[in-house]
Amino acid sequence: MLTFLGFAMIATFLVLIMLKKMSPIAALVLIPALFCVFAGKGAHLGDYVIDGVGKLAPTAAMLMFAIVYFGVMIDVGLFDPVVRGILRFCKADPVRVVVGTAVLAAIVSLDGDGSTTFMITVSAMYPLYKRLGLSLVVMTGVAATANGVMNTLPWGGPTARAATALKLDASDIFVPMIPALGVGLLFVFGLAYVLGVRERRRIGTLAVPGTGEQASGRVPEPVEERLLVAATGSADAGTADPGTAGPGTAESRTTGSGTVESGTAAAEPTGSGGPGSASGPASAPVSGTGPAAGTGPAAGTGPAAGTGPVGGGAPAGSAVQGGGFQGLAPDRPTLRPRLYWFNAGLTVALLAAMITELLPIPVLFLLGAALALTVNFPHMPDQKARIAAHADNVLNVAGMVFAAAVFTGVLSGTGMVKHMADWLVGAVPEGMGPHMALVTGLLSLPLTYFMSNDGFYFGVLPVLAEAGAAHGVSPLEIARASLVGQALHMSSPLVPAVYVLVGMAKVEFGDHTRFTVKWAALTSLVVLGAGMLFGII
């Protein structure tokens, strides 16, 4: 009976979450409470919840203060030089642009929020892709895959969910996984290089008549400066630059076959930007019709507007200028350039202390967030404004963790998870029992793609862990194996952030899926293989 009720509770939870009939927080609370009554143990519901909340409080604290800390670091401009450096590195070379996209997405992913990562990455790189005629699905695919690998950070969500569901310490799960995740990230950079080479062969190289210089070498300084102006938004949006390409200019592109195409303002590529779409030099990014103007990716009807996927405007540390979304506005009032090295040193020290386990991770982020707010915003109104700016993310994540106390408490307290594990152990072939970590890693790819992280980590992972324990497999190994599917998960239709990504990049979701799934799945398998090779999984 408990086996049936357990699977029925998980199935009900997954269906309602995937059909969006209930929010994750409501489903995590109401469904297990109802099934606890069905199991005849409703009188003990309070005990189950209180016990779960006490065990999950440290995880909730870690997530809350990590979001505040990295949100403040973005606000004060810690990542601005990184963005500018990547843009200068990219120049107009397709290979550098694609690799730069992967590097930028990985670095900005340190804040643990996919939506913020995609908004900053796309707003910085979109003008370069349009200017060079690069495939936009390459940008979305590389950014999503890099973010998926970095999403395994303890404050990113999956690691915290795994720790919550199995009642483990997040650092015990994440720290040993760093070598395998590092291999996965290096694979993403290598993939970006290969895709960049393919793009260079497809579209040729950008050349300015009379200079003899091409994008694969060094772009003449005026053209490079215009690319940087377009990408960083340091020029006035909507104001034509007389030196940029526009109607009547003679900028040209040398294609792979040796032919030369003339570029005008009307030669902008159409379609979703997929590999087979027409390509040609786009209009000047800072001209009246370029991406920074009112018709760009974040114009009045774009993602940064009230009707866009981000719901009501730009995030903290961003700005909307001249109708165009700028992810890192160079003149935003929260910048603290004089405190840059303090903030950089504080972040490095915080990450080093986390890796070396100097203090528990919740304590480290609590201290770091308090210190960052006090030093960067010494006045109380400014501190309140920064906290309020990130309150939505904090409330959603912390609320999810505490709501999960009901789900995990009922699942374990009633004995459902034990009965389900016993059934599952009987269904797994005897020869596969000692390899439950490998089984979990392989299952994490399709399961985290076709269901939400909440459903997988709170509904499926506890069952897999119990089944593994029956064969002597540590819950820590099961938890680590469950993280390998995140590179694929970030392109799942159940992830809201992916709609921010494709919306800002003006790419059809179907095109993004067809291009990205195979590379993201391969990245997940690389992480799994590296974890097994290093003896982590």
Protein backbone atom coordinates (compact mmCIF):
# COMPACT_ATOMS: atom_id res chain seq x y z
CA MET A 1 0.00 0.00 0.00
CA LEU A 2 2.73 2.49 0.95
CA THR A 3 4.62 1.61 -2.24
CA PHE A 4 1.58 2.48 -4.36
CA LEU A 5 0.90 5.69 -2.40
CA GLY A 6 4.54 6.76 -2.71
CA PHE A 7 4.65 6.36 -6.48
CA ALA A 8 1.21 7.93 -6.80
CA MET A 9 2.34 10.95 -4.76
CA ILE A 10 5.44 11.42 -6.92
CA ALA A 11 3.46 10.97 -10.15
CA THR A 12 0.82 13.47 -9.03
CA PHE A 13 3.50 15.96 -8.07
CA LEU A 14 5.34 15.59 -11.41
CA VAL A 15 2.19 15.85 -13.53
CA LEU A 16 0.91 18.96 -11.78
CA ILE A 17 4.35 20.60 -11.98
CA MET A 18 4.91 19.79 -15.66
CA LEU A 19 1.38 20.85 -16.63
CA LYS A 20 1.88 24.02 -14.58
CA LYS A 21 -1.33 23.40 -12.66
CA MET A 22 0.42 24.24 -9.39
CA SER A 23 3.51 26.16 -8.40
CA PRO A 24 6.43 24.09 -7.05
CA ILE A 25 6.01 25.53 -3.57
CA ALA A 26 2.28 24.77 -3.42
CA ALA A 27 2.78 21.27 -4.84
CA LEU A 28 5.59 20.48 -2.42
CA VAL A 29 3.31 21.34 0.50
CA LEU A 30 -0.23 20.31 -0.42
CA ILE A 31 0.32 17.03 -2.28
CA PRO A 32 2.39 15.26 0.42
CA ALA A 33 0.06 16.59 3.12
CA LEU A 34 -2.88 15.03 1.28
CA PHE A 35 -1.13 11.69 0.77
CA CYS A 36 -0.01 11.67 4.40
CA VAL A 37 -3.70 11.69 5.31
CA PHE A 38 -4.39 8.91 2.76
CA ALA A 39 -1.67 6.83 4.42
CA GLY A 40 -3.46 7.19 7.75
CA LYS A 41 -0.69 9.21 9.36
CA GLY A 42 -2.11 12.71 9.20
CA ALA A 43 -1.73 13.12 12.95
CA HIS A 44 2.05 12.98 12.56
CA LEU A 45 2.27 15.53 9.72
CA GLY A 46 3.43 18.32 12.04
CA ASP A 47 6.28 16.20 13.39
CA TYR A 48 7.43 15.33 9.88
CA VAL A 49 7.42 18.98 8.78
CA ILE A 50 9.20 20.36 11.86
CA ASP A 51 11.88 17.70 11.58
CA GLY A 52 12.39 18.51 7.90
CA VAL A 53 12.54 22.27 8.43
CA GLY A 54 15.21 21.90 11.10
CA LYS A 55 17.38 19.85 8.78
CA LEU A 56 16.90 22.13 5.75
CA ALA A 57 17.42 25.50 7.44
CA PRO A 58 21.20 25.63 6.71
CA THR A 59 20.61 24.96 3.00
CA ALA A 60 17.99 27.70 2.81
CA ALA A 61 20.34 30.16 4.54
CA MET A 62 23.15 29.33 2.11
CA LEU A 63 20.94 29.96 -0.93
CA MET A 64 19.50 33.20 0.45
CA PHE A 65 22.81 34.86 1.22
CA ALA A 66 24.62 33.50 -1.87
CA ILE A 67 21.99 35.13 -4.09
CA VAL A 68 22.34 38.41 -2.23
CA TYR A 69 26.16 38.27 -2.35
CA PHE A 70 26.55 37.63 -6.06
CA GLY A 71 23.70 40.00 -6.88
CA VAL A 72 25.58 42.78 -5.07
CA MET A 73 28.81 41.86 -6.89
CA ILE A 74 27.04 42.31 -10.23
CA ASP A 75 25.51 45.57 -9.04
CA VAL A 76 28.86 47.08 -8.02
CA GLY A 77 30.59 46.12 -11.28
CA LEU A 78 32.82 43.20 -10.28
CA PHE A 79 32.17 41.44 -13.60
CA ASP A 80 32.23 44.53 -15.87
CA PRO A 81 35.99 44.34 -16.66
CA VAL A 82 35.56 40.65 -17.46
CA VAL A 83 32.86 41.47 -20.01
CA ARG A 84 34.94 44.24 -21.58
CA GLY A 85 38.03 42.02 -21.68
CA ILE A 86 36.15 39.21 -23.40
CA LEU A 87 34.75 41.63 -25.98
CA ARG A 88 38.23 42.96 -26.75
CA PHE A 89 39.50 39.39 -27.01
CA CYS A 90 36.75 38.51 -29.47
CA LYS A 91 37.54 41.31 -31.97
CA ALA A 92 35.67 40.22 -35.12
CA ASP A 93 36.91 36.62 -35.30
CA PRO A 94 34.04 34.08 -35.23
CA VAL A 95 36.16 31.58 -33.28
CA ARG A 96 36.98 34.12 -30.59
CA VAL A 97 33.39 35.32 -30.41
CA VAL A 98 31.99 31.82 -29.80
CA VAL A 99 34.70 30.92 -27.27
CA GLY A 100 34.18 34.30 -25.59
CA THR A 101 30.46 33.49 -25.29
CA ALA A 102 31.25 30.28 -23.41
CA VAL A 103 33.75 32.00 -21.11
CA LEU A 104 31.41 34.91 -20.36
CA ALA A 105 28.43 32.63 -19.65
CA ALA A 106 30.55 30.47 -17.33
CA ILE A 107 31.87 33.46 -15.37
CA VAL A 108 28.53 35.22 -14.97
CA SER A 109 26.96 31.89 -13.91
CA LEU A 110 28.74 32.34 -10.58
CA ASP A 111 25.68 34.26 -9.40
CA GLY A 112 23.68 31.03 -9.57
CA ASP A 113 20.78 32.53 -11.52
CA GLY A 114 20.27 31.36 -15.11
CA SER A 115 18.07 34.28 -16.14
CA THR A 116 20.67 36.86 -15.08
CA THR A 117 23.42 34.89 -16.82
CA PHE A 118 21.53 34.77 -20.10
CA MET A 119 20.49 38.43 -19.97
CA ILE A 120 24.06 39.63 -19.44
CA THR A 121 25.58 37.20 -21.97
CA VAL A 122 23.11 37.90 -24.77
CA SER A 123 23.09 41.67 -24.30
CA ALA A 124 26.90 41.68 -24.48
CA MET A 125 27.38 39.23 -27.38
CA TYR A 126 24.27 39.71 -29.54
CA PRO A 127 25.59 42.75 -31.44
CA LEU A 128 28.78 40.89 -32.37
CA TYR A 129 26.83 37.90 -33.67
CA LYS A 130 24.56 40.13 -35.72
CA ARG A 131 27.43 42.25 -37.01
CA LEU A 132 29.35 39.18 -38.22
CA GLY A 133 26.33 37.20 -39.38
CA LEU A 134 27.05 34.34 -36.98
CA SER A 135 24.43 31.70 -36.21
CA LEU A 136 22.45 32.82 -33.18
CA VAL A 137 21.65 29.24 -32.17
CA VAL A 138 25.38 28.76 -31.67
CA MET A 139 25.28 31.58 -29.12
CA THR A 140 22.24 30.20 -27.29
CA GLY A 141 23.54 26.62 -27.37
CA VAL A 142 26.99 27.46 -26.04
CA ALA A 143 25.61 29.80 -23.36
CA ALA A 144 23.02 27.27 -22.14
CA THR A 145 25.52 24.39 -22.01
CA ALA A 146 28.16 26.42 -20.16
CA ASN A 147 25.55 27.62 -17.69
CA GLY A 148 24.33 24.06 -17.22
CA VAL A 149 27.77 22.90 -16.07
CA MET A 150 28.14 25.89 -13.74
CA ASN A 151 24.58 25.41 -12.47
CA THR A 152 25.93 22.64 -10.24
CA LEU A 153 27.43 25.23 -7.87
CA PRO A 154 26.02 24.74 -4.36
CA TRP A 155 23.98 27.93 -4.59
CA GLY A 156 22.81 27.25 -8.15
CA GLY A 157 19.98 24.90 -7.19
CA PRO A 158 20.61 21.22 -8.13
CA THR A 159 23.32 20.60 -5.53
CA ALA A 160 21.19 22.23 -2.86
CA ARG A 161 18.20 20.14 -3.92
CA ALA A 162 20.26 16.93 -3.83
CA ALA A 163 21.59 17.84 -0.39
CA THR A 164 18.08 18.70 0.77
CA ALA A 165 16.48 15.53 -0.56
CA LEU A 166 19.14 13.19 0.88
CA LYS A 167 19.89 15.25 4.02
CA LEU A 168 23.57 15.67 3.11
CA ASP A 169 25.97 18.58 3.31
CA ALA A 170 26.17 20.49 0.02
CA SER A 171 29.94 20.89 0.25
CA ASP A 172 30.40 17.11 0.62
CA ILE A 173 28.58 16.67 -2.67
CA PHE A 174 30.08 19.55 -4.65
CA VAL A 175 33.75 19.85 -3.64
CA PRO A 176 34.79 16.32 -4.78
CA MET A 177 32.89 16.93 -8.05
CA ILE A 178 35.06 19.95 -9.00
CA PRO A 179 37.58 17.97 -11.13
CA ALA A 180 34.82 16.29 -13.16
CA LEU A 181 32.95 19.56 -13.60
CA GLY A 182 36.21 21.23 -14.63
CA VAL A 183 36.63 18.62 -17.37
CA GLY A 184 33.07 19.30 -18.47
CA LEU A 185 33.71 23.04 -18.64
CA LEU A 186 36.91 22.51 -20.64
CA PHE A 187 34.90 20.33 -23.01
CA VAL A 188 32.40 23.18 -23.47
CA PHE A 189 35.26 25.56 -24.31
CA GLY A 190 36.63 23.02 -26.79
CA LEU A 191 33.17 22.61 -28.29
CA ALA A 192 32.88 26.39 -28.61
CA TYR A 193 36.19 26.45 -30.48
CA VAL A 194 35.03 23.75 -32.92
CA LEU A 195 31.70 25.53 -33.50
CA GLY A 196 33.57 28.82 -34.01
CA VAL A 197 35.81 27.23 -36.65
CA ARG A 198 32.73 25.88 -38.38
CA GLU A 199 31.13 29.33 -38.33
CA ARG A 200 34.30 30.89 -39.73
CA ARG A 201 34.23 28.42 -42.62
CA ARG A 202 30.53 29.02 -43.22
CA ILE A 203 30.53 32.80 -43.35
CA GLY A 204 34.14 33.56 -44.28
CA THR A 205 35.92 36.54 -42.72
CA LEU A 206 35.03 40.18 -42.40
CA ALA A 207 37.24 42.58 -44.34
CA VAL A 208 37.26 46.33 -44.87
CA PRO A 209 38.15 47.33 -48.44
CA GLY A 210 41.51 49.01 -48.81
CA THR A 211 42.98 47.66 -45.56
CA GLY A 212 43.79 44.09 -46.49
CA GLU A 213 43.02 43.01 -42.90
CA GLN A 214 40.52 40.32 -41.97
CA ALA A 215 38.66 39.24 -38.87
CA SER A 216 40.75 36.12 -38.43
CA GLY A 217 43.75 38.35 -37.94
CA ARG A 218 43.36 41.88 -36.58
CA VAL A 219 40.48 44.17 -37.33
CA PRO A 220 41.40 47.82 -38.02
CA GLU A 221 41.08 49.77 -34.79
CA PRO A 222 38.06 51.92 -35.81
CA VAL A 223 36.01 48.83 -36.70
CA GLU A 224 37.05 47.09 -33.44
CA GLU A 225 36.05 50.16 -31.45
CA ARG A 226 32.65 50.23 -33.13
CA LEU A 227 32.07 46.57 -32.24
CA LEU A 228 32.91 47.26 -28.61
CA VAL A 229 30.70 50.34 -28.52
CA ALA A 230 27.80 48.30 -29.86
CA ALA A 231 28.33 45.44 -27.44
CA THR A 232 28.87 47.44 -24.27
CA GLY A 233 26.25 50.07 -24.99
CA SER A 234 28.64 52.92 -24.33
CA ALA A 235 27.32 54.90 -27.27
CA ASP A 236 23.94 56.58 -27.35
CA ALA A 237 21.44 54.05 -28.64
CA GLY A 238 19.57 55.09 -31.74
CA THR A 239 22.21 57.59 -32.86
CA ALA A 240 23.90 56.68 -36.10
CA ASP A 241 27.67 56.60 -36.10
CA PRO A 242 28.86 58.14 -39.35
CA GLY A 243 31.79 55.73 -39.43
CA THR A 244 29.73 52.54 -39.14
CA ALA A 245 28.31 50.44 -41.88
CA GLY A 246 24.98 51.67 -43.10
CA PRO A 247 23.30 52.57 -46.36
CA GLY A 248 25.94 53.38 -48.90
CA THR A 249 28.90 51.98 -46.96
CA ALA A 250 31.26 49.59 -48.64
CA GLU A 251 32.03 47.01 -46.01
CA SER A 252 32.41 43.55 -47.52
CA ARG A 253 32.60 39.91 -46.51
CA THR A 254 34.87 37.31 -48.07
CA THR A 255 33.02 33.99 -48.13
CA GLY A 256 34.55 30.53 -47.95
CA SER A 257 34.30 30.19 -51.73
CA GLY A 258 36.24 33.37 -52.37
CA THR A 259 33.31 35.50 -53.50
CA VAL A 260 32.73 38.94 -52.08
CA GLU A 261 29.38 40.16 -50.84
CA SER A 262 28.66 43.83 -50.38
CA GLY A 263 27.01 44.80 -47.12
CA THR A 264 24.33 47.40 -46.60
CA ALA A 265 21.96 48.19 -43.80
CA ALA A 266 19.33 46.00 -45.41
CA ALA A 267 21.52 42.92 -45.53
CA GLU A 268 20.70 41.72 -42.05
CA PRO A 269 20.21 37.95 -41.73
CA THR A 270 16.67 36.75 -41.34
CA GLY A 271 15.11 33.80 -39.57
CA SER A 272 16.17 32.31 -36.33
CA GLY A 273 19.84 32.46 -37.07
CA GLY A 274 20.18 28.70 -37.40
CA PRO A 275 23.03 27.07 -39.23
CA GLY A 276 21.17 27.01 -42.47
CA SER A 277 19.81 30.52 -42.38
CA ALA A 278 20.88 33.19 -44.80
CA SER A 279 23.87 35.13 -43.66
CA GLY A 280 25.26 38.48 -44.52
CA PRO A 281 26.75 41.43 -42.74
CA ALA A 282 24.20 42.97 -40.50
CA SER A 283 23.46 46.62 -40.17
CA ALA A 284 25.64 48.68 -37.87
CA PRO A 285 24.79 47.80 -34.29
CA VAL A 286 24.72 51.39 -33.11
CA SER A 287 22.83 52.82 -36.07
CA GLY A 288 19.16 53.67 -36.02
CA THR A 289 18.13 50.18 -37.20
CA GLY A 290 20.71 48.07 -35.35
CA PRO A 291 20.22 45.87 -32.34
CA ALA A 292 20.82 48.73 -29.93
CA ALA A 293 17.99 50.75 -31.42
CA GLY A 294 14.28 50.49 -30.91
CA THR A 295 13.95 47.44 -33.18
CA GLY A 296 16.66 45.42 -31.39
CA PRO A 297 16.27 42.29 -29.34
CA ALA A 298 15.05 44.16 -26.30
CA ALA A 299 12.99 46.88 -27.83
CA GLY A 300 9.68 47.92 -26.41
CA THR A 301 8.16 44.49 -27.09
CA GLY A 302 11.28 42.46 -26.32
CA PRO A 303 12.24 40.48 -23.28
CA ALA A 304 13.15 43.50 -21.22
CA ALA A 305 9.73 45.02 -21.63
CA GLY A 306 6.77 44.34 -19.41
CA THR A 307 5.47 41.65 -21.77
CA GLY A 308 8.76 39.80 -22.14
CA PRO A 309 9.80 36.60 -20.43
CA VAL A 310 11.54 38.40 -17.64
CA GLY A 311 8.30 39.95 -16.68
CA GLY A 312 8.85 43.55 -15.89
CA GLY A 313 12.13 45.00 -16.86
CA ALA A 314 15.84 44.76 -16.44
CA PRO A 315 17.52 43.10 -13.50
CA ALA A 316 19.58 44.85 -10.88
CA GLY A 317 22.76 46.19 -12.38
CA SER A 318 21.26 46.66 -15.82
CA ALA A 319 19.57 49.46 -17.65
CA VAL A 320 17.28 50.15 -20.56
CA GLN A 321 18.71 52.90 -22.70
CA GLY A 322 17.19 54.32 -25.84
CA GLY A 323 14.79 51.37 -26.16
CA GLY A 324 17.59 48.80 -26.11
CA PHE A 325 18.45 46.49 -23.25
CA GLN A 326 21.96 46.81 -21.86
CA GLY A 327 22.95 44.03 -19.47
CA LEU A 328 25.76 45.98 -17.78
CA ALA A 329 25.04 49.66 -18.14
CA PRO A 330 28.41 51.45 -17.86
CA ASP A 331 26.97 54.36 -15.88
CA ARG A 332 24.59 52.62 -13.47
CA PRO A 333 24.53 54.28 -10.02
CA THR A 334 25.39 51.12 -8.09
CA LEU A 335 28.94 50.90 -9.50
CA ARG A 336 31.76 51.07 -6.96
CA PRO A 337 35.00 51.31 -9.05
CA ARG A 338 37.13 52.39 -6.06
CA LEU A 339 36.18 49.19 -4.24
CA TYR A 340 36.81 46.85 -7.17
CA TRP A 341 39.89 45.14 -5.73
CA PHE A 342 38.24 44.78 -2.35
CA ASN A 343 35.26 43.04 -3.94
CA ALA A 344 37.47 40.84 -6.11
CA GLY A 345 39.60 39.83 -3.12
CA LEU A 346 36.54 39.16 -1.01
CA THR A 347 35.06 36.91 -3.70
CA VAL A 348 38.29 34.95 -4.17
CA ALA A 349 38.66 34.55 -0.40
CA LEU A 350 35.06 33.42 -0.09
CA LEU A 351 35.39 30.77 -2.80
CA ALA A 352 38.73 29.58 -1.39
CA ALA A 353 37.24 29.27 2.09
CA MET A 354 34.32 27.31 0.65
CA ILE A 355 36.59 24.85 -1.17
CA THR A 356 38.84 24.36 1.84
CA GLU A 357 35.78 24.07 4.11
CA LEU A 358 37.14 26.69 6.50
CA LEU A 359 33.61 27.29 7.73
CA PRO A 360 30.21 25.87 6.76
CA ILE A 361 29.05 27.32 3.43
CA PRO A 362 25.93 29.02 4.92
CA VAL A 363 28.10 30.83 7.45
CA LEU A 364 30.57 31.94 4.76
CA PHE A 365 27.89 33.46 2.55
CA LEU A 366 26.11 35.03 5.50
CA LEU A 367 29.34 36.80 6.51
CA GLY A 368 30.25 37.62 2.91
CA ALA A 369 26.86 39.16 2.08
CA ALA A 370 26.85 41.24 5.25
CA LEU A 371 30.39 42.50 4.63
CA ALA A 372 29.73 43.25 0.94
CA LEU A 373 26.60 45.25 1.73
CA THR A 374 28.23 47.18 4.57
CA VAL A 375 31.35 48.18 2.64
CA ASN A 376 29.77 48.91 -0.74
CA PHE A 377 26.57 50.51 0.54
CA PRO A 378 27.26 52.02 3.96
CA HIS A 379 23.97 53.96 4.03
CA MET A 380 20.90 52.10 5.22
CA PRO A 381 18.57 53.19 2.36
CA ASP A 382 21.07 51.89 -0.21
CA GLN A 383 21.39 48.56 1.60
CA LYS A 384 17.63 48.18 1.73
CA ALA A 385 17.39 48.95 -1.97
CA ARG A 386 19.94 46.28 -2.88
CA ILE A 387 18.25 43.68 -0.70
CA ALA A 388 14.87 44.56 -2.20
CA ALA A 389 16.30 44.27 -5.72
CA HIS A 390 17.14 40.61 -5.11
CA ALA A 391 14.23 39.79 -2.82
CA ASP A 392 12.21 37.93 -5.47
CA ASN A 393 14.96 35.39 -6.13
CA VAL A 394 15.67 34.98 -2.43
CA LEU A 395 12.02 34.40 -1.53
CA ASN A 396 11.39 31.93 -4.35
CA VAL A 397 14.47 29.80 -3.60
CA ALA A 398 14.18 29.86 0.19
CA GLY A 399 10.45 29.18 0.00
CA MET A 400 11.09 26.17 -2.21
CA VAL A 401 13.57 24.71 0.27
CA PHE A 402 11.27 25.05 3.25
CA ALA A 403 8.31 23.71 1.27
CA ALA A 404 10.44 20.70 0.39
CA ALA A 405 10.56 19.88 4.09
CA VAL A 406 6.94 18.74 3.84
CA PHE A 407 7.60 16.53 0.80
CA THR A 408 10.78 14.87 2.06
CA GLY A 409 9.42 14.62 5.59
CA VAL A 410 6.27 12.78 4.52
CA LEU A 411 8.15 10.60 2.05
CA SER A 412 10.59 9.38 4.69
CA GLY A 413 8.47 9.68 7.84
CA THR A 414 5.62 7.53 6.54
CA GLY A 415 8.00 4.88 5.25
CA MET A 416 6.98 5.39 1.62
CA VAL A 417 10.53 5.86 0.40
CA LYS A 418 11.69 2.62 2.05
CA HIS A 419 8.89 0.59 0.51
CA MET A 420 9.49 2.12 -2.92
CA ALA A 421 13.21 1.45 -2.64
CA ASP A 422 12.54 -2.18 -1.73
CA TRP A 423 10.38 -2.53 -4.83
CA LEU A 424 12.96 -0.79 -7.01
CA VAL A 425 15.78 -2.97 -5.68
CA GLY A 426 13.82 -6.01 -6.70
CA ALA A 427 13.32 -4.56 -10.21
CA VAL A 428 17.00 -3.73 -10.80
CA PRO A 429 18.99 -6.67 -12.22
CA GLU A 430 21.32 -8.10 -9.63
CA GLY A 431 24.37 -7.29 -11.73
CA MET A 432 23.48 -3.56 -11.86
CA GLY A 433 22.96 -3.04 -8.13
CA PRO A 434 26.59 -2.15 -7.32
CA HIS A 435 26.54 0.32 -10.24
CA MET A 436 23.57 2.40 -9.08
CA ALA A 437 25.68 5.57 -9.24
CA LEU A 438 26.24 4.99 -12.97
CA VAL A 439 22.56 4.17 -13.41
CA THR A 440 21.64 7.39 -11.60
CA GLY A 441 23.99 9.44 -13.78
CA LEU A 442 22.54 8.01 -16.99
CA LEU A 443 18.96 8.45 -15.77
CA SER A 444 19.66 12.07 -14.82
CA LEU A 445 19.93 13.06 -18.50
CA PRO A 446 16.40 12.22 -19.66
CA LEU A 447 14.74 12.67 -16.28
CA THR A 448 16.05 16.19 -15.63
CA TYR A 449 15.21 17.15 -19.22
CA PHE A 450 11.62 15.90 -19.18
CA MET A 451 10.86 16.97 -15.63
CA SER A 452 11.78 19.86 -13.39
CA ASN A 453 14.67 19.75 -10.96
CA ASP A 454 12.13 19.79 -8.15
CA GLY A 455 10.48 16.65 -9.49
CA PHE A 456 13.72 14.75 -10.04
CA TYR A 457 15.57 15.66 -6.85
CA PHE A 458 12.64 15.52 -4.48
CA GLY A 459 10.65 12.74 -6.16
CA VAL A 460 13.10 10.36 -7.83
CA LEU A 461 16.52 10.82 -6.22
CA PRO A 462 15.53 9.60 -2.72
CA VAL A 463 14.27 6.35 -4.26
CA LEU A 464 17.49 5.85 -6.23
CA ALA A 465 19.55 6.58 -3.12
CA GLU A 466 17.66 3.99 -1.08
CA ALA A 467 18.07 1.44 -3.86
CA GLY A 468 21.80 2.18 -4.02
CA ALA A 469 22.18 1.91 -0.25
CA ALA A 470 20.77 -1.61 -0.39
CA HIS A 471 23.73 -2.53 -2.62
CA GLY A 472 26.33 -0.65 -0.59
CA VAL A 473 26.47 2.48 -2.76
CA SER A 474 26.95 5.68 -0.74
CA PRO A 475 24.22 8.36 -0.94
CA LEU A 476 27.03 10.85 -1.67
CA GLU A 477 27.93 8.98 -4.86
CA ILE A 478 24.27 8.91 -5.90
CA ALA A 479 23.96 12.65 -5.21
CA ARG A 480 27.07 13.47 -7.25
CA ALA A 481 25.92 11.29 -10.15
CA SER A 482 22.57 13.07 -10.16
CA LEU A 483 24.29 16.36 -11.08
CA VAL A 484 25.73 15.26 -14.42
CA GLY A 485 22.54 15.88 -16.39
CA GLN A 486 22.44 19.62 -15.66
CA ALA A 487 24.17 20.61 -18.91
CA LEU A 488 21.18 19.14 -20.75
CA HIS A 489 18.64 20.28 -18.20
CA MET A 490 19.30 23.99 -18.87
CA SER A 491 17.77 23.60 -22.36
CA SER A 492 14.68 21.82 -21.06
CA PRO A 493 11.31 23.40 -21.93
CA LEU A 494 10.56 23.26 -18.20
CA VAL A 495 13.31 25.78 -17.40
CA PRO A 496 11.96 29.37 -17.46
CA ALA A 497 15.43 30.87 -18.02
CA VAL A 498 15.75 29.21 -21.43
CA TYR A 499 12.85 31.33 -22.68
CA VAL A 500 14.73 34.45 -21.60
CA LEU A 501 17.71 33.18 -23.59
CA VAL A 502 15.91 32.41 -26.86
CA GLY A 503 13.65 35.44 -26.52
CA MET A 504 16.49 37.93 -26.21
CA ALA A 505 18.45 36.20 -28.97
CA LYS A 506 15.36 36.10 -31.25
CA VAL A 507 15.80 32.36 -31.81
CA GLU A 508 12.95 29.87 -32.17
CA PHE A 509 12.87 27.44 -29.26
CA GLY A 510 12.64 24.49 -31.66
CA ASP A 511 15.79 25.60 -33.48
CA HIS A 512 17.61 25.99 -30.17
CA THR A 513 16.51 22.53 -29.05
CA ARG A 514 17.52 20.76 -32.26
CA PHE A 515 20.94 22.36 -32.18
CA THR A 516 21.71 22.17 -28.47
CA VAL A 517 20.39 18.84 -27.18
CA LYS A 518 23.06 16.65 -28.79
CA TRP A 519 25.96 18.82 -27.59
CA ALA A 520 24.51 19.25 -24.10
CA ALA A 521 23.92 15.49 -23.75
CA LEU A 522 27.50 14.82 -24.88
CA THR A 523 28.78 17.32 -22.29
CA SER A 524 26.82 15.53 -19.55
CA LEU A 525 28.30 12.19 -20.59
CA VAL A 526 31.80 13.71 -20.48
CA VAL A 527 31.19 14.87 -16.89
CA LEU A 528 29.90 11.41 -15.97
CA GLY A 529 32.90 9.70 -17.57
CA ALA A 530 35.33 12.07 -15.84
CA GLY A 531 33.62 11.46 -12.50
CA MET A 532 34.01 7.71 -12.88
CA LEU A 533 37.61 8.05 -14.08
CA PHE A 534 38.53 10.14 -11.03
CA GLY A 535 36.71 7.75 -8.70
CA ILE A 536 34.25 10.45 -7.63
CA ILE A 537 31.16 8.58 -8.81
